[in-house]
Amino acid sequence: MNMKNKPIILLVPYPAQGHVNPMQNLASSFLAQGFETLIILPQHVHKKINVDDDNGKIVKCVGLEDGIEEETTTPDFFAIESSMENTMPKHLEEFLQNNERLGEVCLMVVDLLASWAIQVGEKFGITTVGFWPAMLASYLLIAAIPQMLRTGLISDTGLPQHEGNITFVPTLPLVSTNDLPWLIGTTDARRARFKFWMRTLERSKDLKWILVNSFPFETKVKQQNVLFIGPICRPQEFTKTLSFWEEDLTCLKWLTNQKANSVVYISFGSLFNPIGESSLKKLALALEATMRPFIWVLKSTWHQWLPIGFSERVFKQGKGMVVSWAPQTKILKHVSVGCFITHCGWNSTLEALQFRKKLLCYPLAGDQFLNCAYIVEVWRVGLRLNGLGLKDVEEGVEKVMEDKEMSNRLDTLYERFMEIHACDNRSGHFLLKEMLKKASIIHENSC
């Protein structure tokens, strides 16, 4: 791309770690193709992360006023939604109006969960495309909301009218009406989340393209406006991650002293207290009783519910480590790790597949139940835990650790899909380039 000033691509993620990571990976892919990239973040996120340029090898970020008070360490879903709807749009408009290089902005990529930015892009005449950071199947589930309403499966506030499996989305594994992505929290919270998804569908219905961070094998359903561009991995030269928290690297040194395929890695994501005080204590006692080495990612604010002396005791005995935040890809890549107890977030699922780790699934919310169904029923590379007590954990770990057929299926899955799409990523680069050509952002003879 022979231009004096590189064209600019703006990227707007939903402000959660699991959404910022794939958006950064996508931005790095654009950067590698000769574009300048800029990720738009709310100020409360921007101030947490390391945004050094690293000699041009990391995407640039800008923080916008978000109206979230300084003392709020981790705002909840509704505080973030209020910020996105009431504060951030006007500040993004001001940023664009005052930017001398506005004319060089050729594309805006908007996470569908940050649909507020679609309207800003349209107002400024910027070509805008959607980004779905998860698998297509979860998008199809959301897109099926109108049919769920027409058939009376859910009420006009999103609440299930009867229990049962959703069967009218082609090739979808069995997912219960009780596992729909917006059914989190109280009745009022569920209704509010459903309203959020309805608004997202309305704003995104006219987007010409939706870029999906997934491989195309997961469903045979064809969507004209969908481009599979994943799983997206950053090129090796882009080493920094826009992490909200400082990673504890001491666990990597501890890993080197463990036997191959012996360590259980546990992480339930970053957004909220995932399992509650009672389950947390049960899991701690179960991990200690299994006598297997483990690394457990548990935010420091939740350590108060651990059994007294647990962290110090297991570390002193060499049984395990409890860390507040961890370099997950480095851990999963390590030969000592034998299985992963996970909430089945999409990023964690992709990373487990990429590094061929067996999974013990404990889905909690959102698309995690659907991801779990693929892991357990379709790919058969993991098992679902019914609880976090000693019997559940002990039997689950034993089964996956000893299952050689599961290892073979992981190898096959990697060879068929992950090796091409996640590691080499030529397919993703090609599809991005084709989309850019169709949008007249680059020409046939461009890079």
Protein backbone atom coordinates (compact mmCIF):
# COMPACT_ATOMS: atom_id res chain seq x y z
CA MET A 1 0.00 0.00 0.00
CA ASN A 2 1.97 2.95 -1.30
CA MET A 3 0.51 5.94 0.50
CA LYS A 4 2.28 8.78 2.22
CA ASN A 5 -0.19 8.68 5.11
CA LYS A 6 -1.54 5.29 5.99
CA PRO A 7 -5.36 5.04 5.98
CA ILE A 8 -6.82 4.70 9.47
CA ILE A 9 -9.10 1.95 10.76
CA LEU A 10 -10.99 2.68 13.99
CA LEU A 11 -11.99 -0.28 16.16
CA VAL A 12 -14.58 -0.09 18.93
CA PRO A 13 -14.70 -3.12 21.27
CA TYR A 14 -17.13 -3.76 24.07
CA PRO A 15 -15.05 -2.76 27.13
CA ALA A 16 -14.39 -6.18 28.64
CA GLN A 17 -11.12 -8.13 28.55
CA GLY A 18 -12.66 -10.96 26.53
CA HIS A 19 -13.75 -8.48 23.85
CA VAL A 20 -10.70 -6.22 23.80
CA ASN A 21 -8.31 -9.15 23.21
CA PRO A 22 -9.82 -10.37 19.91
CA MET A 23 -10.29 -6.76 18.77
CA GLN A 24 -6.58 -6.14 19.38
CA ASN A 25 -5.78 -9.26 17.39
CA LEU A 26 -7.95 -8.00 14.54
CA ALA A 27 -6.30 -4.58 14.72
CA SER A 28 -2.90 -6.23 14.51
CA SER A 29 -3.99 -8.05 11.35
CA PHE A 30 -4.97 -4.72 9.80
CA LEU A 31 -1.70 -3.21 11.00
CA ALA A 32 0.23 -6.00 9.29
CA GLN A 33 -1.56 -5.16 6.03
CA GLY A 34 -0.37 -1.57 6.07
CA PHE A 35 -3.12 0.30 7.88
CA GLU A 36 -2.90 2.54 10.92
CA THR A 37 -5.21 1.24 13.63
CA LEU A 38 -6.78 2.94 16.61
CA ILE A 39 -8.82 1.20 19.30
CA ILE A 40 -11.45 3.35 21.01
CA LEU A 41 -11.75 2.58 24.73
CA PRO A 42 -13.65 4.14 27.63
CA GLN A 43 -11.37 6.08 29.93
CA HIS A 44 -11.78 3.69 32.88
CA VAL A 45 -10.27 0.91 30.72
CA HIS A 46 -7.69 3.03 28.92
CA LYS A 47 -6.07 4.18 32.15
CA LYS A 48 -5.52 0.56 33.26
CA ILE A 49 -3.58 -0.69 30.29
CA ASN A 50 -0.07 -0.30 28.92
CA VAL A 51 -0.44 1.61 25.65
CA ASP A 52 3.23 2.14 24.74
CA ASP A 53 3.72 2.16 20.97
CA ASP A 54 6.57 -0.39 21.09
CA ASN A 55 8.17 1.02 17.92
CA GLY A 56 4.97 0.70 15.93
CA LYS A 57 4.42 -2.96 16.80
CA ILE A 58 1.29 -2.43 18.84
CA VAL A 59 -1.99 -0.86 17.89
CA LYS A 60 -2.67 2.60 19.25
CA CYS A 61 -5.48 3.32 21.69
CA VAL A 62 -7.43 6.38 22.71
CA GLY A 63 -9.51 6.80 25.86
CA LEU A 64 -12.86 8.60 25.75
CA GLU A 65 -14.67 10.16 28.68
CA ASP A 66 -17.10 7.54 29.94
CA GLY A 67 -18.81 9.09 32.96
CA ILE A 68 -17.74 6.24 35.22
CA GLU A 69 -16.52 7.46 38.58
CA GLU A 70 -12.83 7.09 39.43
CA GLU A 71 -13.41 4.87 42.46
CA THR A 72 -15.34 2.31 40.41
CA THR A 73 -12.79 -0.46 39.88
CA THR A 74 -14.92 -2.89 37.85
CA PRO A 75 -18.20 -1.39 36.64
CA ASP A 76 -21.01 -3.88 36.08
CA PHE A 77 -22.89 -4.53 32.85
CA PHE A 78 -25.48 -1.84 33.49
CA ALA A 79 -22.94 0.86 34.37
CA ILE A 80 -21.08 0.07 31.14
CA GLU A 81 -24.32 0.11 29.15
CA SER A 82 -25.27 3.50 30.60
CA SER A 83 -21.85 4.86 29.70
CA MET A 84 -22.07 3.53 26.12
CA GLU A 85 -25.57 4.91 25.58
CA ASN A 86 -25.40 8.25 27.37
CA THR A 87 -21.79 9.44 27.49
CA MET A 88 -19.44 7.89 24.96
CA PRO A 89 -21.30 8.73 21.70
CA LYS A 90 -20.94 12.48 22.10
CA HIS A 91 -17.27 12.15 23.05
CA LEU A 92 -16.54 9.97 20.04
CA GLU A 93 -18.26 12.56 17.85
CA GLU A 94 -16.12 15.30 19.39
CA PHE A 95 -13.00 13.21 18.86
CA LEU A 96 -13.82 12.75 15.19
CA GLN A 97 -14.78 16.38 14.67
CA ASN A 98 -11.52 17.60 16.17
CA ASN A 99 -9.29 15.07 14.43
CA GLU A 100 -7.33 16.63 11.60
CA ARG A 101 -6.97 13.22 9.98
CA LEU A 102 -10.69 12.41 9.90
CA GLY A 103 -10.54 12.22 6.12
CA GLU A 104 -8.02 9.39 6.39
CA VAL A 105 -10.40 7.19 8.41
CA CYS A 106 -11.44 4.54 5.88
CA LEU A 107 -13.26 2.05 8.11
CA MET A 108 -14.80 1.61 11.53
CA VAL A 109 -15.08 -1.92 13.00
CA VAL A 110 -17.64 -2.08 15.79
CA ASP A 111 -18.14 -4.93 18.25
CA LEU A 112 -21.88 -5.62 18.02
CA LEU A 113 -22.12 -5.36 21.81
CA ALA A 114 -20.89 -1.76 21.40
CA SER A 115 -23.60 -0.99 18.84
CA TRP A 116 -23.79 2.65 19.99
CA ALA A 117 -20.79 3.37 17.75
CA ILE A 118 -22.58 2.18 14.59
CA GLN A 119 -24.74 5.30 14.66
CA VAL A 120 -21.71 7.54 15.09
CA GLY A 121 -19.99 5.94 12.10
CA GLU A 122 -23.09 6.43 9.97
CA LYS A 123 -23.39 10.08 11.05
CA PHE A 124 -19.85 10.79 9.85
CA GLY A 125 -20.20 8.79 6.66
CA ILE A 126 -17.56 6.25 7.72
CA THR A 127 -17.86 2.76 6.25
CA THR A 128 -18.84 0.67 9.27
CA VAL A 129 -18.75 -3.11 9.69
CA GLY A 130 -19.69 -5.28 12.64
CA PHE A 131 -17.44 -7.60 14.61
CA TRP A 132 -18.65 -10.67 16.46
CA PRO A 133 -15.81 -11.82 18.75
CA ALA A 134 -17.41 -15.22 19.43
CA MET A 135 -18.55 -18.17 17.31
CA LEU A 136 -21.19 -17.78 14.61
CA ALA A 137 -23.56 -20.15 16.40
CA SER A 138 -23.95 -17.69 19.28
CA TYR A 139 -24.71 -14.90 16.80
CA LEU A 140 -27.34 -17.11 15.13
CA LEU A 141 -28.92 -17.68 18.53
CA ILE A 142 -29.25 -13.94 19.09
CA ALA A 143 -30.44 -13.40 15.51
CA ALA A 144 -33.20 -15.97 16.16
CA ILE A 145 -34.85 -13.73 18.78
CA PRO A 146 -37.58 -12.56 16.34
CA GLN A 147 -38.51 -16.18 15.63
CA MET A 148 -38.51 -16.98 19.34
CA LEU A 149 -40.99 -14.13 19.80
CA ARG A 150 -43.19 -15.17 16.86
CA THR A 151 -43.41 -18.77 18.07
CA GLY A 152 -44.12 -17.79 21.67
CA LEU A 153 -40.95 -19.46 22.97
CA ILE A 154 -40.15 -16.26 24.88
CA SER A 155 -42.26 -13.32 26.02
CA ASP A 156 -41.82 -9.80 24.67
CA THR A 157 -39.48 -9.19 27.61
CA GLY A 158 -37.32 -12.20 26.72
CA LEU A 159 -38.43 -14.57 29.47
CA PRO A 160 -38.94 -18.25 28.48
CA GLN A 161 -42.59 -19.25 28.33
CA HIS A 162 -41.81 -22.94 28.78
CA GLU A 163 -38.78 -25.13 29.30
CA GLY A 164 -37.34 -26.96 26.34
CA ASN A 165 -34.59 -27.08 23.75
CA ILE A 166 -34.21 -24.63 20.89
CA THR A 167 -34.50 -26.73 17.74
CA PHE A 168 -35.19 -24.29 14.89
CA VAL A 169 -31.64 -22.93 14.44
CA PRO A 170 -30.04 -25.34 11.92
CA THR A 171 -27.07 -27.43 13.11
CA LEU A 172 -27.17 -25.88 16.60
CA PRO A 173 -26.47 -28.33 19.45
CA LEU A 174 -29.24 -28.70 21.98
CA VAL A 175 -29.48 -25.53 24.05
CA SER A 176 -32.14 -25.09 26.70
CA THR A 177 -34.40 -22.04 26.88
CA ASN A 178 -32.98 -21.63 30.39
CA ASP A 179 -29.51 -21.07 28.90
CA LEU A 180 -30.34 -18.09 26.67
CA PRO A 181 -27.56 -15.46 26.83
CA TRP A 182 -29.61 -12.70 28.47
CA LEU A 183 -30.93 -14.84 31.34
CA ILE A 184 -28.54 -13.51 33.98
CA GLY A 185 -29.45 -12.15 37.39
CA THR A 186 -32.85 -10.99 38.63
CA THR A 187 -35.99 -10.83 36.50
CA ASP A 188 -35.51 -7.10 36.00
CA ALA A 189 -31.86 -7.64 35.01
CA ARG A 190 -32.89 -10.30 32.48
CA ARG A 191 -35.45 -8.00 30.92
CA ALA A 192 -32.91 -5.18 30.71
CA ARG A 193 -30.32 -7.46 29.07
CA PHE A 194 -32.93 -8.66 26.57
CA LYS A 195 -33.70 -5.03 25.71
CA PHE A 196 -29.97 -4.52 25.14
CA TRP A 197 -29.91 -7.40 22.63
CA MET A 198 -33.04 -6.16 20.84
CA ARG A 199 -31.40 -2.75 20.43
CA THR A 200 -28.22 -4.42 19.17
CA LEU A 201 -30.18 -6.36 16.52
CA GLU A 202 -31.98 -3.23 15.35
CA ARG A 203 -28.80 -1.19 14.98
CA SER A 204 -26.84 -3.92 13.23
CA LYS A 205 -29.52 -5.18 10.81
CA ASP A 206 -28.33 -3.03 7.91
CA LEU A 207 -24.59 -3.69 8.28
CA LYS A 208 -23.16 -4.95 5.01
CA TRP A 209 -20.60 -7.17 6.74
CA ILE A 210 -20.17 -8.83 10.09
CA LEU A 211 -16.68 -10.19 10.75
CA VAL A 212 -16.85 -13.35 12.86
CA ASN A 213 -13.94 -14.54 14.98
CA SER A 214 -14.54 -18.19 14.26
CA PHE A 215 -13.85 -21.01 11.84
CA PRO A 216 -16.47 -21.76 9.17
CA PHE A 217 -16.97 -25.44 10.01
CA GLU A 218 -19.15 -24.86 13.06
CA THR A 219 -22.36 -24.51 11.05
CA LYS A 220 -23.46 -25.09 7.48
CA VAL A 221 -25.80 -22.12 7.60
CA LYS A 222 -24.82 -19.47 5.07
CA GLN A 223 -25.12 -15.83 6.04
CA GLN A 224 -24.59 -13.42 3.17
CA ASN A 225 -23.20 -10.63 5.32
CA VAL A 226 -20.94 -12.86 7.45
CA LEU A 227 -17.21 -13.24 6.88
CA PHE A 228 -15.33 -15.86 8.89
CA ILE A 229 -11.97 -14.28 9.67
CA GLY A 230 -10.82 -16.35 12.59
CA PRO A 231 -9.72 -17.59 14.87
CA ILE A 232 -7.59 -14.46 14.74
CA CYS A 233 -4.09 -14.62 16.23
CA ARG A 234 -1.75 -11.69 16.41
CA PRO A 235 1.44 -12.01 14.37
CA GLN A 236 4.35 -13.10 16.56
CA GLU A 237 6.03 -9.69 16.37
CA PHE A 238 3.07 -8.12 18.19
CA THR A 239 3.85 -9.36 21.66
CA LYS A 240 2.05 -7.00 24.01
CA THR A 241 -1.50 -7.61 25.17
CA LEU A 242 -3.88 -4.89 26.29
CA SER A 243 -4.43 -6.50 29.68
CA PHE A 244 -6.62 -4.83 32.31
CA TRP A 245 -4.59 -6.41 35.11
CA GLU A 246 -0.94 -7.18 35.74
CA GLU A 247 -0.08 -10.80 34.99
CA ASP A 248 1.58 -12.93 37.67
CA LEU A 249 4.50 -14.55 35.84
CA THR A 250 5.78 -16.52 38.85
CA CYS A 251 3.44 -19.37 37.95
CA LEU A 252 5.43 -20.01 34.75
CA LYS A 253 8.56 -20.76 36.76
CA TRP A 254 6.54 -23.04 39.04
CA LEU A 255 5.18 -24.88 35.96
CA THR A 256 8.64 -25.84 34.79
CA ASN A 257 9.05 -28.02 37.90
CA GLN A 258 5.91 -30.06 37.22
CA LYS A 259 5.56 -33.30 35.28
CA ALA A 260 4.17 -33.29 31.74
CA ASN A 261 0.35 -33.30 31.51
CA SER A 262 -0.02 -33.24 35.28
CA VAL A 263 -1.26 -29.72 36.06
CA VAL A 264 -4.91 -28.65 36.27
CA TYR A 265 -5.43 -25.03 35.18
CA ILE A 266 -8.55 -23.25 36.47
CA SER A 267 -9.96 -19.94 35.29
CA PHE A 268 -13.53 -18.63 35.14
CA GLY A 269 -12.85 -15.38 33.30
CA SER A 270 -12.60 -11.80 34.36
CA LEU A 271 -15.99 -10.10 34.58
CA PHE A 272 -17.50 -10.95 37.94
CA ASN A 273 -17.44 -13.27 40.95
CA PRO A 274 -18.11 -16.36 38.90
CA ILE A 275 -19.18 -19.15 41.21
CA GLY A 276 -20.20 -17.72 44.59
CA GLU A 277 -18.73 -18.17 48.04
CA SER A 278 -20.02 -21.69 48.70
CA SER A 279 -18.88 -23.15 45.36
CA LEU A 280 -15.55 -21.39 45.65
CA LYS A 281 -14.84 -23.07 48.99
CA LYS A 282 -15.95 -26.44 47.62
CA LEU A 283 -13.65 -26.12 44.64
CA ALA A 284 -10.70 -25.13 46.84
CA LEU A 285 -11.15 -28.19 49.05
CA ALA A 286 -11.66 -30.43 46.01
CA LEU A 287 -8.47 -29.22 44.34
CA GLU A 288 -6.51 -29.78 47.51
CA ALA A 289 -7.95 -33.27 47.97
CA THR A 290 -7.20 -34.46 44.43
CA MET A 291 -3.47 -34.18 45.19
CA ARG A 292 -2.88 -32.97 41.63
CA PRO A 293 -0.83 -29.81 41.00
CA PHE A 294 -2.92 -26.83 39.90
CA ILE A 295 -2.86 -23.15 38.94
CA TRP A 296 -6.04 -21.29 39.84
CA VAL A 297 -6.73 -17.79 38.52
CA LEU A 298 -8.76 -16.01 41.17
CA LYS A 299 -9.02 -12.25 41.49
CA SER A 300 -7.68 -10.95 44.77
CA THR A 301 -11.09 -9.59 45.84
CA TRP A 302 -12.38 -13.17 45.96
CA HIS A 303 -9.51 -14.60 48.07
CA GLN A 304 -11.42 -13.72 51.24
CA TRP A 305 -13.72 -16.71 50.62
CA LEU A 306 -10.97 -19.28 50.37
CA PRO A 307 -10.52 -21.65 53.32
CA ILE A 308 -8.21 -20.12 55.90
CA GLY A 309 -4.57 -20.68 54.99
CA PHE A 310 -5.44 -22.44 51.73
CA SER A 311 -3.19 -20.47 49.34
CA GLU A 312 -0.18 -20.55 51.62
CA ARG A 313 -0.65 -24.23 52.48
CA VAL A 314 -0.89 -25.57 48.93
CA PHE A 315 1.98 -23.40 47.71
CA LYS A 316 4.25 -24.41 50.60
CA GLN A 317 3.49 -28.07 49.91
CA GLY A 318 4.19 -27.56 46.22
CA LYS A 319 0.64 -28.60 45.30
CA GLY A 320 -0.51 -25.46 43.57
CA MET A 321 -0.70 -21.72 43.09
CA VAL A 322 -3.51 -19.18 43.32
CA VAL A 323 -2.82 -16.10 41.18
CA SER A 324 -4.90 -13.00 40.62
CA TRP A 325 -4.27 -12.82 36.87
CA ALA A 326 -2.22 -15.08 34.65
CA PRO A 327 -0.58 -15.22 31.20
CA GLN A 328 -3.15 -17.73 30.00
CA THR A 329 -1.76 -18.50 26.54
CA LYS A 330 1.69 -19.20 28.00
CA ILE A 331 0.15 -21.50 30.62
CA LEU A 332 -2.00 -23.42 28.13
CA LYS A 333 0.97 -23.77 25.80
CA HIS A 334 3.06 -25.35 28.55
CA VAL A 335 3.66 -29.09 28.36
CA SER A 336 2.96 -29.51 32.11
CA VAL A 337 -0.71 -28.52 31.77
CA GLY A 338 -3.00 -31.51 31.28
CA CYS A 339 -6.51 -30.04 31.49
CA PHE A 340 -8.38 -26.77 31.84
CA ILE A 341 -11.38 -26.16 34.11
CA THR A 342 -13.12 -23.30 32.35
CA HIS A 343 -16.30 -21.23 32.14
CA CYS A 344 -16.18 -21.83 28.34
CA GLY A 345 -15.69 -18.22 27.31
CA TRP A 346 -14.92 -18.14 23.59
CA ASN A 347 -11.36 -16.81 23.94
CA SER A 348 -10.54 -19.51 26.49
CA THR A 349 -12.13 -22.15 24.26
CA LEU A 350 -10.10 -21.10 21.23
CA GLU A 351 -6.86 -20.99 23.22
CA ALA A 352 -7.51 -24.46 24.64
CA LEU A 353 -8.10 -25.83 21.14
CA GLN A 354 -5.05 -24.04 19.80
CA PHE A 355 -2.82 -25.66 22.44
CA ARG A 356 -4.72 -28.94 22.46
CA LYS A 357 -5.83 -28.98 26.10
CA LYS A 358 -8.72 -31.07 27.35
CA LEU A 359 -11.55 -29.18 28.96
CA LEU A 360 -13.71 -29.52 32.04
CA CYS A 361 -16.64 -27.20 31.43
CA TYR A 362 -18.55 -25.17 33.99
CA PRO A 363 -20.51 -22.58 31.97
CA LEU A 364 -21.96 -19.66 33.87
CA ALA A 365 -23.63 -17.15 31.57
CA GLY A 366 -24.00 -15.71 28.08
CA ASP A 367 -22.72 -17.81 25.17
CA GLN A 368 -20.82 -20.16 27.49
CA PHE A 369 -23.59 -22.81 27.53
CA LEU A 370 -23.55 -22.98 23.73
CA ASN A 371 -19.74 -23.14 23.64
CA CYS A 372 -19.91 -25.94 26.20
CA ALA A 373 -22.36 -27.86 24.02
CA TYR A 374 -19.89 -27.73 21.12
CA ILE A 375 -16.98 -28.80 23.35
CA VAL A 376 -18.83 -31.73 24.92
CA GLU A 377 -21.35 -32.88 22.30
CA VAL A 378 -19.95 -31.88 18.91
CA TRP A 379 -16.15 -31.87 19.22
CA ARG A 380 -16.04 -34.23 22.24
CA VAL A 381 -12.86 -32.73 23.63
CA GLY A 382 -14.15 -32.13 27.13
CA LEU A 383 -16.71 -32.99 29.79
CA ARG A 384 -19.26 -30.86 31.60
CA LEU A 385 -19.01 -30.58 35.38
CA ASN A 386 -22.33 -30.79 37.19
CA GLY A 387 -20.83 -29.23 40.30
CA LEU A 388 -17.57 -28.17 41.92
CA GLY A 389 -17.52 -30.57 44.85
CA LEU A 390 -14.85 -33.20 45.47
CA LYS A 391 -16.57 -36.06 43.62
CA ASP A 392 -17.38 -33.94 40.56
CA VAL A 393 -13.89 -32.47 40.25
CA GLU A 394 -11.99 -35.64 41.12
CA GLU A 395 -13.94 -37.83 38.67
CA GLY A 396 -13.92 -35.17 35.95
CA VAL A 397 -10.17 -34.59 36.12
CA GLU A 398 -9.49 -38.32 36.18
CA LYS A 399 -11.67 -38.97 33.13
CA VAL A 400 -10.23 -36.26 30.89
CA MET A 401 -6.63 -36.82 31.95
CA GLU A 402 -6.81 -40.52 31.06
CA ASP A 403 -8.94 -40.24 27.89
CA LYS A 404 -6.60 -40.95 24.96
CA GLU A 405 -9.40 -40.77 22.41
CA MET A 406 -10.09 -37.23 23.55
CA SER A 407 -6.42 -36.41 22.91
CA ASN A 408 -6.72 -37.84 19.41
CA ARG A 409 -9.82 -35.77 18.71
CA LEU A 410 -8.01 -32.64 19.88
CA ASP A 411 -5.15 -33.40 17.49
CA THR A 412 -7.59 -33.94 14.62
CA LEU A 413 -9.48 -30.75 15.42
CA TYR A 414 -6.25 -28.81 15.52
CA GLU A 415 -5.00 -30.23 12.24
CA ARG A 416 -8.29 -29.63 10.41
CA PHE A 417 -9.10 -26.15 11.62
CA MET A 418 -6.83 -24.48 14.14
CA GLU A 419 -3.50 -25.05 12.39
CA ILE A 420 -4.67 -23.21 9.28
CA HIS A 421 -6.82 -20.50 10.80
CA ALA A 422 -5.15 -19.74 14.12
CA CYS A 423 -1.48 -20.22 13.47
CA ASP A 424 -0.85 -19.41 9.83
CA ASN A 425 -3.96 -17.19 9.52
CA ARG A 426 -3.63 -16.81 5.74
CA SER A 427 -7.34 -17.49 5.34
CA GLY A 428 -8.26 -14.69 7.75
CA HIS A 429 -5.91 -12.24 6.05
CA PHE A 430 -7.35 -13.15 2.65
CA LEU A 431 -10.95 -12.64 3.74
CA LEU A 432 -10.14 -9.31 5.37
CA LYS A 433 -8.50 -8.19 2.17
CA GLU A 434 -11.52 -9.28 0.13
CA MET A 435 -13.85 -7.35 2.43
CA LEU A 436 -11.65 -4.25 2.13
CA LYS A 437 -11.72 -4.55 -1.65
CA LYS A 438 -15.50 -4.85 -1.72
CA ALA A 439 -15.74 -1.77 0.47
CA SER A 440 -13.44 0.08 -1.97
CA ILE A 441 -10.94 0.64 0.83
CA ILE A 442 -8.14 -1.07 -1.06
CA HIS A 443 -7.92 -1.81 -4.76
CA GLU A 444 -7.22 -5.01 -6.68
CA ASN A 445 -3.52 -4.21 -7.07
CA SER A 446 -3.04 -3.14 -3.45
CA CYS A 447 -1.10 -5.08 -0.80
